[in-house]
Amino acid sequence: MLGSGKQGYLSGRSLSTLNRDFRQLFGTTPQKWLTKKRLEPAHYQLTEKKKRPTEIYLEVGFEDLSHFYYAFKKKIWNFTGPIALSRKLSLNRYDPLIIQTMIQELLLTETDYVYTFLRIIAGAIIFPYGMQKLLGWFDDFGGGVGLKESLAQFSEKGIPRILAWLVIFGQSLGSMALLLGLFGRIAAISNFIIFSGALLFHLKEGWTMNWNGKKSGEGIEYFIMLLSILLVIVVKGSGPFSMDNWLSSLWY
């Protein structure tokens, strides 16, 4: 792909003049226009010909797979969702490629093993709480043992039944998903929400844990630590030793 300086040289203009003239004619910069033109046949090859990114990225003019995926993801799917997508590339909002790209984004992970370590730690921390509520395993941590008792305690705190079920499944199934690294971002987000609620509930107890037994409950330092770990997983993914990474490799 030609760099901006090379484009200016070949056109006989300075870079600023080229960008200004080009924007007047096409409403965008030469680099963005060229990228869009390369992504249009890429979209066709992926959706109609059912080819994989590894088979087409060189053919459509990208030098490496990571650059192709970054450009494709940026153009095809962003945080503004399917409506903005359909406006940009005239795609149906239910285009299978949108769904596929969103799933790929959820699965995509950094390859540093520190993220695998953090994910497993988070799953191991949450697992006893979830299984205590769902199956009655482990001693009472203050949230009830087994479904019946756990739901009763949620009810006593004024928490609606539907939210109680979401907490139970979020902690139990979410912790197993974290341990396996299967849709780790979704599991991390759900538990981030759950433990953010727990943090707000314990906020009145101050910062420190109830080390000396003189407080009525635990402080928030534990929740801050766990929420920080979960946030890293949301941003960086499940790490290389995970089901997410294995599933991602099937697309590439």
C-alpha atoms as a PDB file:
ATOM      1  CA  MET A   1       0.000   0.000   0.000  1.00  0.00           C
ATOM      2  CA  LEU A   2       1.369   3.368  -0.998  1.00  0.00           C
ATOM      3  CA  GLY A   3       2.210   5.716   1.835  1.00  0.00           C
ATOM      4  CA  SER A   4       0.818   9.237   1.930  1.00  0.00           C
ATOM      5  CA  GLY A   5       4.163  10.744   0.967  1.00  0.00           C
ATOM      6  CA  LYS A   6       4.497   8.429  -2.055  1.00  0.00           C
ATOM      7  CA  GLN A   7       0.987   9.325  -3.215  1.00  0.00           C
ATOM      8  CA  GLY A   8       1.840  13.022  -3.109  1.00  0.00           C
ATOM      9  CA  TYR A   9       5.093  12.423  -5.001  1.00  0.00           C
ATOM     10  CA  LEU A  10       3.396  10.410  -7.776  1.00  0.00           C
ATOM     11  CA  SER A  11       0.655  13.036  -8.174  1.00  0.00           C
ATOM     12  CA  GLY A  12       3.168  15.888  -8.416  1.00  0.00           C
ATOM     13  CA  ARG A  13       1.652  17.659  -5.395  1.00  0.00           C
ATOM     14  CA  SER A  14       2.589  18.234  -1.822  1.00  0.00           C
ATOM     15  CA  LEU A  15       0.833  15.993   0.679  1.00  0.00           C
ATOM     16  CA  SER A  16      -1.326  18.839   2.036  1.00  0.00           C
ATOM     17  CA  THR A  17      -2.345  19.929  -1.479  1.00  0.00           C
ATOM     18  CA  LEU A  18      -3.169  16.348  -2.500  1.00  0.00           C
ATOM     19  CA  ASN A  19      -5.326  15.803   0.592  1.00  0.00           C
ATOM     20  CA  ARG A  20      -7.152  19.101   0.095  1.00  0.00           C
ATOM     21  CA  ASP A  21      -7.861  18.517  -3.599  1.00  0.00           C
ATOM     22  CA  PHE A  22      -8.824  14.898  -3.067  1.00  0.00           C
ATOM     23  CA  ARG A  23     -11.194  15.757  -0.207  1.00  0.00           C
ATOM     24  CA  GLN A  24     -12.927  18.358  -2.393  1.00  0.00           C
ATOM     25  CA  LEU A  25     -13.584  15.716  -5.066  1.00  0.00           C
ATOM     26  CA  PHE A  26     -14.314  12.607  -2.981  1.00  0.00           C
ATOM     27  CA  GLY A  27     -15.081  13.887   0.517  1.00  0.00           C
ATOM     28  CA  THR A  28     -12.293  11.911   2.176  1.00  0.00           C
ATOM     29  CA  THR A  29      -8.521  11.431   2.185  1.00  0.00           C
ATOM     30  CA  PRO A  30      -6.723   9.337  -0.445  1.00  0.00           C
ATOM     31  CA  GLN A  31      -5.686   6.759   2.162  1.00  0.00           C
ATOM     32  CA  LYS A  32      -9.234   6.254   3.458  1.00  0.00           C
ATOM     33  CA  TRP A  33     -10.651   6.118  -0.058  1.00  0.00           C
ATOM     34  CA  LEU A  34      -8.096   3.495  -1.092  1.00  0.00           C
ATOM     35  CA  THR A  35      -8.756   1.418   2.012  1.00  0.00           C
ATOM     36  CA  LYS A  36     -12.505   1.485   1.365  1.00  0.00           C
ATOM     37  CA  LYS A  37     -11.979   0.383  -2.235  1.00  0.00           C
ATOM     38  CA  ARG A  38      -9.849  -2.532  -1.037  1.00  0.00           C
ATOM     39  CA  LEU A  39     -12.404  -3.560   1.587  1.00  0.00           C
ATOM     40  CA  GLU A  40     -15.308  -3.706  -0.867  1.00  0.00           C
ATOM     41  CA  PRO A  41     -13.950  -6.743  -2.785  1.00  0.00           C
ATOM     42  CA  ALA A  42     -12.819  -8.216   0.537  1.00  0.00           C
ATOM     43  CA  HIS A  43     -16.416  -8.100   1.783  1.00  0.00           C
ATOM     44  CA  TYR A  44     -17.571  -9.816  -1.401  1.00  0.00           C
ATOM     45  CA  GLN A  45     -14.968 -12.554  -1.120  1.00  0.00           C
ATOM     46  CA  LEU A  46     -15.838 -13.220   2.538  1.00  0.00           C
ATOM     47  CA  THR A  47     -19.624 -13.189   2.195  1.00  0.00           C
ATOM     48  CA  GLU A  48     -20.268 -14.520  -1.307  1.00  0.00           C
ATOM     49  CA  LYS A  49     -17.236 -16.710  -1.954  1.00  0.00           C
ATOM     50  CA  LYS A  50     -17.025 -17.848   1.700  1.00  0.00           C
ATOM     51  CA  LYS A  51     -13.261 -17.379   1.763  1.00  0.00           C
ATOM     52  CA  ARG A  52     -11.200 -16.857   4.890  1.00  0.00           C
ATOM     53  CA  PRO A  53      -9.233 -13.686   5.642  1.00  0.00           C
ATOM     54  CA  THR A  54      -5.968 -15.608   5.240  1.00  0.00           C
ATOM     55  CA  GLU A  55      -6.904 -16.398   1.645  1.00  0.00           C
ATOM     56  CA  ILE A  56      -7.713 -12.894   0.480  1.00  0.00           C
ATOM     57  CA  TYR A  57      -5.836 -10.214   2.412  1.00  0.00           C
ATOM     58  CA  LEU A  58      -2.872 -10.172   0.000  1.00  0.00           C
ATOM     59  CA  GLU A  59      -5.155 -10.363  -3.025  1.00  0.00           C
ATOM     60  CA  VAL A  60      -7.047  -7.207  -2.018  1.00  0.00           C
ATOM     61  CA  GLY A  61      -3.868  -5.242  -1.347  1.00  0.00           C
ATOM     62  CA  PHE A  62      -2.983  -5.575   2.344  1.00  0.00           C
ATOM     63  CA  GLU A  63       0.560  -6.383   3.388  1.00  0.00           C
ATOM     64  CA  ASP A  64      -0.281  -8.393   6.497  1.00  0.00           C
ATOM     65  CA  LEU A  65      -3.287 -10.062   8.089  1.00  0.00           C
ATOM     66  CA  SER A  66      -3.328  -7.934  11.224  1.00  0.00           C
ATOM     67  CA  HIS A  67      -3.545  -4.714   9.180  1.00  0.00           C
ATOM     68  CA  PHE A  68      -6.338  -6.187   7.081  1.00  0.00           C
ATOM     69  CA  TYR A  69      -8.320  -7.288  10.116  1.00  0.00           C
ATOM     70  CA  TYR A  70      -7.857  -3.937  11.843  1.00  0.00           C
ATOM     71  CA  ALA A  71      -9.036  -2.003   8.777  1.00  0.00           C
ATOM     72  CA  PHE A  72     -11.887  -4.384   8.102  1.00  0.00           C
ATOM     73  CA  LYS A  73     -13.083  -4.347  11.701  1.00  0.00           C
ATOM     74  CA  LYS A  74     -12.863  -0.556  11.846  1.00  0.00           C
ATOM     75  CA  LYS A  75     -14.915  -0.176   8.680  1.00  0.00           C
ATOM     76  CA  ILE A  76     -17.388  -3.036   9.069  1.00  0.00           C
ATOM     77  CA  TRP A  77     -18.112  -2.954  12.802  1.00  0.00           C
ATOM     78  CA  ASN A  78     -17.651  -0.307  15.409  1.00  0.00           C
ATOM     79  CA  PHE A  79     -19.242   0.652  18.701  1.00  0.00           C
ATOM     80  CA  THR A  80     -22.025   2.569  16.943  1.00  0.00           C
ATOM     81  CA  GLY A  81     -23.543  -0.765  15.901  1.00  0.00           C
ATOM     82  CA  PRO A  82     -25.289  -2.268  12.867  1.00  0.00           C
ATOM     83  CA  ILE A  83     -27.207   0.893  11.872  1.00  0.00           C
ATOM     84  CA  ALA A  84     -24.012   2.895  11.331  1.00  0.00           C
ATOM     85  CA  LEU A  85     -22.558  -0.122   9.559  1.00  0.00           C
ATOM     86  CA  SER A  86     -25.401  -0.344   7.085  1.00  0.00           C
ATOM     87  CA  ARG A  87     -25.100   3.381   6.317  1.00  0.00           C
ATOM     88  CA  LYS A  88     -21.349   3.243   5.722  1.00  0.00           C
ATOM     89  CA  LEU A  89     -21.155   0.269   3.365  1.00  0.00           C
ATOM     90  CA  SER A  90     -24.795  -0.115   2.312  1.00  0.00           C
ATOM     91  CA  LEU A  91     -25.016  -3.460   4.077  1.00  0.00           C
ATOM     92  CA  ASN A  92     -28.097  -5.049   5.554  1.00  0.00           C
ATOM     93  CA  ARG A  93     -27.932  -4.698   9.329  1.00  0.00           C
ATOM     94  CA  TYR A  94     -28.485  -8.472   9.567  1.00  0.00           C
ATOM     95  CA  ASP A  95     -25.628  -9.274   7.225  1.00  0.00           C
ATOM     96  CA  PRO A  96     -24.026 -12.510   8.548  1.00  0.00           C
ATOM     97  CA  LEU A  97     -20.629 -10.880   8.293  1.00  0.00           C
ATOM     98  CA  ILE A  98     -21.619  -8.297  10.911  1.00  0.00           C
ATOM     99  CA  ILE A  99     -22.502 -11.046  13.361  1.00  0.00           C
ATOM    100  CA  GLN A 100     -19.339 -12.985  12.508  1.00  0.00           C
ATOM    101  CA  THR A 101     -17.174  -9.899  12.965  1.00  0.00           C
ATOM    102  CA  MET A 102     -18.767  -9.096  16.313  1.00  0.00           C
ATOM    103  CA  ILE A 103     -18.135 -12.645  17.530  1.00  0.00           C
ATOM    104  CA  GLN A 104     -14.543 -12.460  16.312  1.00  0.00           C
ATOM    105  CA  GLU A 105     -14.083  -9.210  18.214  1.00  0.00           C
ATOM    106  CA  LEU A 106     -15.363 -10.842  21.405  1.00  0.00           C
ATOM    107  CA  LEU A 107     -13.015 -13.791  20.961  1.00  0.00           C
ATOM    108  CA  LEU A 108      -9.940 -11.839  19.883  1.00  0.00           C
ATOM    109  CA  THR A 109      -7.339 -11.797  22.641  1.00  0.00           C
ATOM    110  CA  GLU A 110      -3.850 -10.623  23.439  1.00  0.00           C
ATOM    111  CA  THR A 111      -1.241 -13.383  23.378  1.00  0.00           C
ATOM    112  CA  ASP A 112       0.510 -12.506  26.626  1.00  0.00           C
ATOM    113  CA  TYR A 113       0.128 -15.273  29.227  1.00  0.00           C
ATOM    114  CA  VAL A 114      -0.390 -12.719  31.978  1.00  0.00           C
ATOM    115  CA  TYR A 115      -3.978 -12.335  30.719  1.00  0.00           C
ATOM    116  CA  THR A 116      -4.513 -16.086  30.960  1.00  0.00           C
ATOM    117  CA  PHE A 117      -3.235 -15.941  34.526  1.00  0.00           C
ATOM    118  CA  LEU A 118      -5.517 -13.038  35.477  1.00  0.00           C
ATOM    119  CA  ARG A 119      -8.534 -14.732  33.895  1.00  0.00           C
ATOM    120  CA  ILE A 120      -7.989 -17.966  35.806  1.00  0.00           C
ATOM    121  CA  ILE A 121      -7.480 -16.042  39.050  1.00  0.00           C
ATOM    122  CA  ALA A 122     -10.764 -14.171  38.527  1.00  0.00           C
ATOM    123  CA  GLY A 123     -12.607 -17.402  37.730  1.00  0.00           C
ATOM    124  CA  ALA A 124     -11.166 -19.143  40.793  1.00  0.00           C
ATOM    125  CA  ILE A 125     -12.195 -16.240  43.052  1.00  0.00           C
ATOM    126  CA  ILE A 126     -15.787 -16.153  41.771  1.00  0.00           C
ATOM    127  CA  PHE A 127     -16.328 -19.921  41.391  1.00  0.00           C
ATOM    128  CA  PRO A 128     -17.034 -20.704  45.093  1.00  0.00           C
ATOM    129  CA  TYR A 129     -19.589 -17.884  45.331  1.00  0.00           C
ATOM    130  CA  GLY A 130     -21.451 -19.082  42.251  1.00  0.00           C
ATOM    131  CA  MET A 131     -21.449 -22.764  43.098  1.00  0.00           C
ATOM    132  CA  GLN A 132     -22.416 -22.059  46.683  1.00  0.00           C
ATOM    133  CA  LYS A 133     -25.555 -20.295  45.457  1.00  0.00           C
ATOM    134  CA  LEU A 134     -26.374 -22.651  42.574  1.00  0.00           C
ATOM    135  CA  LEU A 135     -25.480 -26.094  43.952  1.00  0.00           C
ATOM    136  CA  GLY A 136     -24.965 -25.546  47.680  1.00  0.00           C
ATOM    137  CA  TRP A 137     -21.248 -26.259  47.578  1.00  0.00           C
ATOM    138  CA  PHE A 138     -18.844 -24.682  50.100  1.00  0.00           C
ATOM    139  CA  ASP A 139     -19.663 -23.020  53.394  1.00  0.00           C
ATOM    140  CA  ASP A 140     -21.927 -20.005  53.755  1.00  0.00           C
ATOM    141  CA  PHE A 141     -20.086 -16.846  52.656  1.00  0.00           C
ATOM    142  CA  GLY A 142     -23.014 -14.685  53.623  1.00  0.00           C
ATOM    143  CA  GLY A 143     -25.074 -15.147  50.470  1.00  0.00           C
ATOM    144  CA  GLY A 144     -26.930 -18.351  51.281  1.00  0.00           C
ATOM    145  CA  VAL A 145     -26.207 -22.005  50.530  1.00  0.00           C
ATOM    146  CA  GLY A 146     -28.193 -23.538  47.684  1.00  0.00           C
ATOM    147  CA  LEU A 147     -30.805 -22.011  45.414  1.00  0.00           C
ATOM    148  CA  LYS A 148     -33.658 -21.846  47.901  1.00  0.00           C
ATOM    149  CA  GLU A 149     -31.683 -20.133  50.647  1.00  0.00           C
ATOM    150  CA  SER A 150     -29.855 -17.829  48.211  1.00  0.00           C
ATOM    151  CA  LEU A 151     -33.097 -16.657  46.595  1.00  0.00           C
ATOM    152  CA  ALA A 152     -34.598 -16.084  50.048  1.00  0.00           C
ATOM    153  CA  GLN A 153     -31.670 -13.889  51.069  1.00  0.00           C
ATOM    154  CA  PHE A 154     -31.884 -11.899  47.842  1.00  0.00           C
ATOM    155  CA  SER A 155     -35.589 -11.398  48.539  1.00  0.00           C
ATOM    156  CA  GLU A 156     -34.858 -10.153  52.076  1.00  0.00           C
ATOM    157  CA  LYS A 157     -32.526  -7.532  50.593  1.00  0.00           C
ATOM    158  CA  GLY A 158     -35.264  -6.354  48.247  1.00  0.00           C
ATOM    159  CA  ILE A 159     -33.569  -7.671  45.095  1.00  0.00           C
ATOM    160  CA  PRO A 160     -36.082  -8.763  42.405  1.00  0.00           C
ATOM    161  CA  ARG A 161     -36.209 -12.482  41.614  1.00  0.00           C
ATOM    162  CA  ILE A 162     -35.054 -11.996  38.011  1.00  0.00           C
ATOM    163  CA  LEU A 163     -31.941 -10.110  39.148  1.00  0.00           C
ATOM    164  CA  ALA A 164     -31.261 -12.779  41.758  1.00  0.00           C
ATOM    165  CA  TRP A 165     -31.291 -15.467  39.068  1.00  0.00           C
ATOM    166  CA  LEU A 166     -28.994 -13.376  36.858  1.00  0.00           C
ATOM    167  CA  VAL A 167     -26.512 -12.992  39.734  1.00  0.00           C
ATOM    168  CA  ILE A 168     -26.580 -16.727  40.474  1.00  0.00           C
ATOM    169  CA  PHE A 169     -26.057 -17.760  36.864  1.00  0.00           C
ATOM    170  CA  GLY A 170     -23.595 -14.933  36.248  1.00  0.00           C
ATOM    171  CA  GLN A 171     -21.372 -16.048  39.113  1.00  0.00           C
ATOM    172  CA  SER A 172     -21.692 -19.808  38.565  1.00  0.00           C
ATOM    173  CA  LEU A 173     -21.662 -20.148  34.783  1.00  0.00           C
ATOM    174  CA  GLY A 174     -19.594 -16.979  34.402  1.00  0.00           C
ATOM    175  CA  SER A 175     -16.856 -18.313  36.675  1.00  0.00           C
ATOM    176  CA  MET A 176     -16.688 -21.556  34.677  1.00  0.00           C
ATOM    177  CA  ALA A 177     -16.509 -19.542  31.453  1.00  0.00           C
ATOM    178  CA  LEU A 178     -13.609 -17.557  32.918  1.00  0.00           C
ATOM    179  CA  LEU A 179     -11.786 -20.715  33.977  1.00  0.00           C
ATOM    180  CA  LEU A 180     -12.183 -22.168  30.480  1.00  0.00           C
ATOM    181  CA  GLY A 181     -11.565 -18.881  28.681  1.00  0.00           C
ATOM    182  CA  LEU A 182     -14.810 -19.341  26.738  1.00  0.00           C
ATOM    183  CA  PHE A 183     -16.368 -15.986  25.821  1.00  0.00           C
ATOM    184  CA  GLY A 184     -14.252 -14.552  28.604  1.00  0.00           C
ATOM    185  CA  ARG A 185     -15.167 -10.954  27.802  1.00  0.00           C
ATOM    186  CA  ILE A 186     -18.891 -11.646  28.265  1.00  0.00           C
ATOM    187  CA  ALA A 187     -18.243 -13.492  31.532  1.00  0.00           C
ATOM    188  CA  ALA A 188     -15.992 -10.675  32.736  1.00  0.00           C
ATOM    189  CA  ILE A 189     -18.521  -7.964  31.839  1.00  0.00           C
ATOM    190  CA  SER A 190     -21.383  -9.776  33.585  1.00  0.00           C
ATOM    191  CA  ASN A 191     -19.376 -10.283  36.760  1.00  0.00           C
ATOM    192  CA  PHE A 192     -18.041  -6.738  36.589  1.00  0.00           C
ATOM    193  CA  ILE A 193     -21.654  -5.565  36.786  1.00  0.00           C
ATOM    194  CA  ILE A 194     -22.474  -8.006  39.597  1.00  0.00           C
ATOM    195  CA  PHE A 195     -19.504  -7.070  41.755  1.00  0.00           C
ATOM    196  CA  SER A 196     -19.952  -3.363  41.046  1.00  0.00           C
ATOM    197  CA  GLY A 197     -23.339  -3.758  42.712  1.00  0.00           C
ATOM    198  CA  ALA A 198     -21.686  -5.592  45.593  1.00  0.00           C
ATOM    199  CA  LEU A 199     -19.143  -2.774  45.924  1.00  0.00           C
ATOM    200  CA  LEU A 200     -21.905  -0.185  46.199  1.00  0.00           C
ATOM    201  CA  PHE A 201     -23.636  -2.309  48.834  1.00  0.00           C
ATOM    202  CA  HIS A 202     -20.424  -2.540  50.912  1.00  0.00           C
ATOM    203  CA  LEU A 203     -19.372   1.061  50.356  1.00  0.00           C
ATOM    204  CA  LYS A 204     -20.685   2.059  53.779  1.00  0.00           C
ATOM    205  CA  GLU A 205     -18.139  -0.293  55.394  1.00  0.00           C
ATOM    206  CA  GLY A 206     -15.177   1.742  54.169  1.00  0.00           C
ATOM    207  CA  TRP A 207     -12.027   0.621  52.422  1.00  0.00           C
ATOM    208  CA  THR A 208     -10.524  -2.245  54.425  1.00  0.00           C
ATOM    209  CA  MET A 209     -11.787  -5.760  54.942  1.00  0.00           C
ATOM    210  CA  ASN A 210     -13.203  -6.666  58.349  1.00  0.00           C
ATOM    211  CA  TRP A 211      -9.840  -7.895  59.613  1.00  0.00           C
ATOM    212  CA  ASN A 212     -10.481  -7.243  63.313  1.00  0.00           C
ATOM    213  CA  GLY A 213     -14.141  -8.270  63.294  1.00  0.00           C
ATOM    214  CA  LYS A 214     -15.345  -4.902  64.585  1.00  0.00           C
ATOM    215  CA  LYS A 215     -17.293  -3.878  61.490  1.00  0.00           C
ATOM    216  CA  SER A 216     -20.709  -5.145  60.442  1.00  0.00           C
ATOM    217  CA  GLY A 217     -19.425  -6.074  56.995  1.00  0.00           C
ATOM    218  CA  GLU A 218     -16.450  -6.106  54.635  1.00  0.00           C
ATOM    219  CA  GLY A 219     -14.848  -3.059  53.058  1.00  0.00           C
ATOM    220  CA  ILE A 220     -14.414  -2.506  49.347  1.00  0.00           C
ATOM    221  CA  GLU A 221     -10.696  -3.223  48.813  1.00  0.00           C
ATOM    222  CA  TYR A 222     -11.434  -6.815  47.742  1.00  0.00           C
ATOM    223  CA  PHE A 223     -14.025  -5.639  45.222  1.00  0.00           C
ATOM    224  CA  ILE A 224     -11.666  -3.020  43.797  1.00  0.00           C
ATOM    225  CA  MET A 225      -9.044  -5.709  43.204  1.00  0.00           C
ATOM    226  CA  LEU A 226     -11.494  -8.116  41.530  1.00  0.00           C
ATOM    227  CA  LEU A 227     -13.089  -5.402  39.405  1.00  0.00           C
ATOM    228  CA  SER A 228      -9.643  -4.311  38.198  1.00  0.00           C
ATOM    229  CA  ILE A 229      -8.824  -7.864  37.099  1.00  0.00           C
ATOM    230  CA  LEU A 230     -12.182  -8.226  35.335  1.00  0.00           C
ATOM    231  CA  LEU A 231     -11.667  -4.914  33.533  1.00  0.00           C
ATOM    232  CA  VAL A 232      -8.322  -6.128  32.179  1.00  0.00           C
ATOM    233  CA  ILE A 233     -10.047  -9.250  30.807  1.00  0.00           C
ATOM    234  CA  VAL A 234     -12.760  -7.134  29.169  1.00  0.00           C
ATOM    235  CA  VAL A 235     -10.123  -5.009  27.418  1.00  0.00           C
ATOM    236  CA  LYS A 236      -7.447  -7.604  26.624  1.00  0.00           C
ATOM    237  CA  GLY A 237      -9.407 -10.853  26.329  1.00  0.00           C
ATOM    238  CA  SER A 238      -8.906 -14.346  27.720  1.00  0.00           C
ATOM    239  CA  GLY A 239      -5.225 -14.763  26.882  1.00  0.00           C
ATOM    240  CA  PRO A 240      -3.477 -17.330  24.672  1.00  0.00           C
ATOM    241  CA  PHE A 241      -4.316 -20.440  26.734  1.00  0.00           C
ATOM    242  CA  SER A 242      -8.091 -20.232  26.304  1.00  0.00           C
ATOM    243  CA  MET A 243     -11.025 -21.528  24.289  1.00  0.00           C
ATOM    244  CA  ASP A 244     -11.455 -18.027  22.881  1.00  0.00           C
ATOM    245  CA  ASN A 245      -7.981 -18.096  21.355  1.00  0.00           C
ATOM    246  CA  TRP A 246      -8.558 -21.572  19.928  1.00  0.00           C
ATOM    247  CA  LEU A 247     -11.866 -20.526  18.359  1.00  0.00           C
ATOM    248  CA  SER A 248     -10.239 -17.378  16.939  1.00  0.00           C
ATOM    249  CA  SER A 249      -7.596 -19.537  15.259  1.00  0.00           C
ATOM    250  CA  LEU A 250     -10.309 -21.383  13.318  1.00  0.00           C
ATOM    251  CA  TRP A 251     -11.163 -18.158  11.463  1.00  0.00           C
ATOM    252  CA  TYR A 252      -7.563 -17.386  10.652  1.00  0.00           C
END
